[in-house]
């Protein structure tokens, strides 16, 4: 299982992430159709799958229903997926009004 604080990078684009909250589902985490690898160990043999080329946004958190949460530290062309399901950008919590 991938631990909190683990830094990963895509094999097919410039995307880099930090795992903020881990879950068992991260074992099938992919970016651009290829598995993410530990930072600094990309081989460059993989090719970006056009079906998973929607991009990531720098500084945004991506969340999954399993509770997994990822922070993008470098954006890229590939999109983050778990079990083929695209991860969505986590919305900021609403603050109470100060009336």
C-alpha atoms as a PDB file:
ATOM      1  CA  UNK A   1       0.000   0.000   0.000  1.00  0.00           C
ATOM      2  CA  UNK A   2       1.208   3.508  -0.834  1.00  0.00           C
ATOM      3  CA  UNK A   3       1.833   5.589   2.322  1.00  0.00           C
ATOM      4  CA  UNK A   4       0.919   9.196   3.123  1.00  0.00           C
ATOM      5  CA  UNK A   5       3.629  11.615   1.992  1.00  0.00           C
ATOM      6  CA  UNK A   6       4.847   9.397  -0.861  1.00  0.00           C
ATOM      7  CA  UNK A   7       5.968  11.402  -3.914  1.00  0.00           C
ATOM      8  CA  UNK A   8       5.125   9.870  -7.289  1.00  0.00           C
ATOM      9  CA  UNK A   9       5.559  10.881 -10.918  1.00  0.00           C
ATOM     10  CA  UNK A  10       3.960   9.962 -14.193  1.00  0.00           C
ATOM     11  CA  UNK A  11       5.818   7.875 -16.767  1.00  0.00           C
ATOM     12  CA  UNK A  12       4.073   9.592 -19.695  1.00  0.00           C
ATOM     13  CA  UNK A  13       3.985  13.312 -18.814  1.00  0.00           C
ATOM     14  CA  UNK A  14       5.348  15.891 -16.353  1.00  0.00           C
ATOM     15  CA  UNK A  15       2.763  15.215 -13.607  1.00  0.00           C
ATOM     16  CA  UNK A  16       4.113  14.788 -10.073  1.00  0.00           C
ATOM     17  CA  UNK A  17       1.981  14.200  -6.970  1.00  0.00           C
ATOM     18  CA  UNK A  18       2.179  13.795  -3.205  1.00  0.00           C
ATOM     19  CA  UNK A  19      -0.146  11.334  -1.469  1.00  0.00           C
ATOM     20  CA  UNK A  20      -2.043  13.348   1.162  1.00  0.00           C
ATOM     21  CA  UNK A  21      -4.381  10.567   2.314  1.00  0.00           C
ATOM     22  CA  UNK A  22      -3.758   6.956   1.370  1.00  0.00           C
ATOM     23  CA  UNK A  23      -6.167   4.076   0.760  1.00  0.00           C
ATOM     24  CA  UNK A  24      -6.048   0.556  -0.662  1.00  0.00           C
ATOM     25  CA  UNK A  25      -7.419   1.885  -3.976  1.00  0.00           C
ATOM     26  CA  UNK A  26      -4.115   3.669  -4.723  1.00  0.00           C
ATOM     27  CA  UNK A  27      -2.631   0.327  -5.777  1.00  0.00           C
ATOM     28  CA  UNK A  28      -4.340   0.901  -9.165  1.00  0.00           C
ATOM     29  CA  UNK A  29      -3.439   4.613  -9.458  1.00  0.00           C
ATOM     30  CA  UNK A  30      -2.484   5.693 -12.997  1.00  0.00           C
ATOM     31  CA  UNK A  31      -1.723   8.896 -14.854  1.00  0.00           C
ATOM     32  CA  UNK A  32      -2.220   9.100 -18.608  1.00  0.00           C
ATOM     33  CA  UNK A  33      -2.969   5.365 -18.679  1.00  0.00           C
ATOM     34  CA  UNK A  34       0.346   4.266 -17.109  1.00  0.00           C
ATOM     35  CA  UNK A  35       1.103   3.478 -13.433  1.00  0.00           C
ATOM     36  CA  UNK A  36       2.786   6.211 -11.397  1.00  0.00           C
ATOM     37  CA  UNK A  37       6.294   5.473 -10.132  1.00  0.00           C
ATOM     38  CA  UNK A  38       8.403   6.841  -7.249  1.00  0.00           C
ATOM     39  CA  UNK A  39       9.902  10.253  -7.961  1.00  0.00           C
ATOM     40  CA  UNK A  40      13.127   9.938  -9.982  1.00  0.00           C
ATOM     41  CA  UNK A  41      12.549   6.420 -11.293  1.00  0.00           C
ATOM     42  CA  UNK A  42      10.595   6.989 -14.531  1.00  0.00           C
ATOM     43  CA  UNK A  43      11.819   4.917 -17.467  1.00  0.00           C
ATOM     44  CA  UNK A  44      10.200   6.933 -20.267  1.00  0.00           C
ATOM     45  CA  UNK A  45       9.074   3.824 -22.173  1.00  0.00           C
ATOM     46  CA  UNK A  46       5.327   4.403 -21.651  1.00  0.00           C
ATOM     47  CA  UNK A  47       3.147   6.416 -24.040  1.00  0.00           C
ATOM     48  CA  UNK A  48       0.322   8.817 -23.121  1.00  0.00           C
ATOM     49  CA  UNK A  49      -3.088   7.243 -23.799  1.00  0.00           C
ATOM     50  CA  UNK A  50      -5.282   9.870 -25.574  1.00  0.00           C
ATOM     51  CA  UNK A  51      -8.310   8.627 -23.601  1.00  0.00           C
ATOM     52  CA  UNK A  52      -6.573   9.710 -20.369  1.00  0.00           C
ATOM     53  CA  UNK A  53      -5.037  12.986 -21.586  1.00  0.00           C
ATOM     54  CA  UNK A  54      -7.235  15.570 -19.856  1.00  0.00           C
ATOM     55  CA  UNK A  55      -4.405  16.996 -17.745  1.00  0.00           C
ATOM     56  CA  UNK A  56      -3.789  17.775 -14.089  1.00  0.00           C
ATOM     57  CA  UNK A  57      -3.830  21.184 -12.410  1.00  0.00           C
ATOM     58  CA  UNK A  58      -0.919  22.399 -10.280  1.00  0.00           C
ATOM     59  CA  UNK A  59      -1.773  22.840  -6.584  1.00  0.00           C
ATOM     60  CA  UNK A  60      -5.141  21.103  -6.765  1.00  0.00           C
ATOM     61  CA  UNK A  61      -6.152  18.123  -4.642  1.00  0.00           C
ATOM     62  CA  UNK A  62      -7.740  15.145  -6.371  1.00  0.00           C
ATOM     63  CA  UNK A  63      -9.972  12.806  -4.354  1.00  0.00           C
ATOM     64  CA  UNK A  64     -11.457   9.327  -4.737  1.00  0.00           C
ATOM     65  CA  UNK A  65     -14.539   7.782  -3.080  1.00  0.00           C
ATOM     66  CA  UNK A  66     -12.251   5.432  -1.111  1.00  0.00           C
ATOM     67  CA  UNK A  67     -10.876   8.418   0.823  1.00  0.00           C
ATOM     68  CA  UNK A  68      -7.633   8.697  -1.145  1.00  0.00           C
ATOM     69  CA  UNK A  69      -6.422  12.253  -1.704  1.00  0.00           C
ATOM     70  CA  UNK A  70      -3.556  13.449  -3.911  1.00  0.00           C
ATOM     71  CA  UNK A  71      -1.905  16.871  -4.282  1.00  0.00           C
ATOM     72  CA  UNK A  72      -0.480  17.793  -7.704  1.00  0.00           C
ATOM     73  CA  UNK A  73       2.996  19.359  -7.310  1.00  0.00           C
ATOM     74  CA  UNK A  74       3.735  19.542 -11.050  1.00  0.00           C
ATOM     75  CA  UNK A  75       1.032  19.611 -13.706  1.00  0.00           C
ATOM     76  CA  UNK A  76       1.060  17.531 -16.863  1.00  0.00           C
ATOM     77  CA  UNK A  77      -0.975  16.282 -19.817  1.00  0.00           C
ATOM     78  CA  UNK A  78      -2.147  12.973 -18.292  1.00  0.00           C
ATOM     79  CA  UNK A  79      -5.225  12.598 -16.096  1.00  0.00           C
ATOM     80  CA  UNK A  80      -5.250  10.739 -12.766  1.00  0.00           C
ATOM     81  CA  UNK A  81      -7.355   7.570 -12.583  1.00  0.00           C
ATOM     82  CA  UNK A  82      -8.044   4.718 -10.163  1.00  0.00           C
ATOM     83  CA  UNK A  83      -9.474   1.525 -11.704  1.00  0.00           C
ATOM     84  CA  UNK A  84     -10.077   3.471 -14.929  1.00  0.00           C
ATOM     85  CA  UNK A  85     -12.248   6.068 -13.125  1.00  0.00           C
ATOM     86  CA  UNK A  86     -11.040   9.668 -13.448  1.00  0.00           C
ATOM     87  CA  UNK A  87     -10.324  11.471 -10.173  1.00  0.00           C
ATOM     88  CA  UNK A  88     -12.075  14.779  -9.634  1.00  0.00           C
ATOM     89  CA  UNK A  89     -10.699  17.966  -8.142  1.00  0.00           C
ATOM     90  CA  UNK A  90     -11.603  18.185  -4.463  1.00  0.00           C
ATOM     91  CA  UNK A  91     -13.796  21.196  -3.724  1.00  0.00           C
ATOM     92  CA  UNK A  92     -12.879  23.562  -0.901  1.00  0.00           C
ATOM     93  CA  UNK A  93     -14.935  23.293   2.282  1.00  0.00           C
ATOM     94  CA  UNK A  94     -17.571  25.990   2.683  1.00  0.00           C
ATOM     95  CA  UNK A  95     -16.914  28.347   5.572  1.00  0.00           C
ATOM     96  CA  UNK A  96     -19.804  29.505   7.726  1.00  0.00           C
ATOM     97  CA  UNK A  97     -21.079  32.998   7.024  1.00  0.00           C
ATOM     98  CA  UNK A  98     -19.999  35.756   9.378  1.00  0.00           C
ATOM     99  CA  UNK A  99     -23.334  37.576   9.618  1.00  0.00           C
END
